[in-house]
Amino acid sequence: MVYGPNVKANFASLLKLAEKNIPLPIGSIQNKRSFVSIDNLVSLIIACINHPNAANQVFLVSDDQDVSTPKLFSLMVEAFGKKPRLIKVNPNFLRLIARFIGKEELIDRLCGDLSIDIWHTKKTLNWNPEVSLVDGIKTCISNNYNNKEGEL
């Protein structure tokens, strides 16, 4: 998932919840997800344009720091200057509740793994992400959040 200025969809929704610091029952989720800041994506594209070994290759890109959904949410809340409030609930119970209310896809997105290995990209292009996940989230929030209007 790419994030940055004007991010939309689930990432934006999670940012809104993080800003409000609503306690979420996701504290026990232990998934792994890869994210990439728009800055790191652009950096990789530039590396591909300039590097002779990039021709006819497929490259995966991420911030090279996979995180769980609770960790991502915590990083977001902390970037807003608040202390995260996560409630530990068994993920299987969350799935059961989600199935009951017809929101299984939402729980799958929150609980599921979606990580990639960028070793080939780093090795072939002698490339590393320029922006850490923490700094990328901070930048995303500073670019997306308008304190005067309270909206993303």
Foldseek 3Di string as FASTA:
>chain_A
DEFAFPDDDPVQVLLLCLLVLDAEQCVAFDAWEFYAYPQQVVVLVVLLVPPPLNPPDDFDDGLPDIDALVVLSQLSNVLSVHGHHYHHDPLVVVCVVCVVVVNNVVSCVRRPYHDDDRPCSCVRSVDHGPAHPSRSSNNRCVNHADVVVRHD
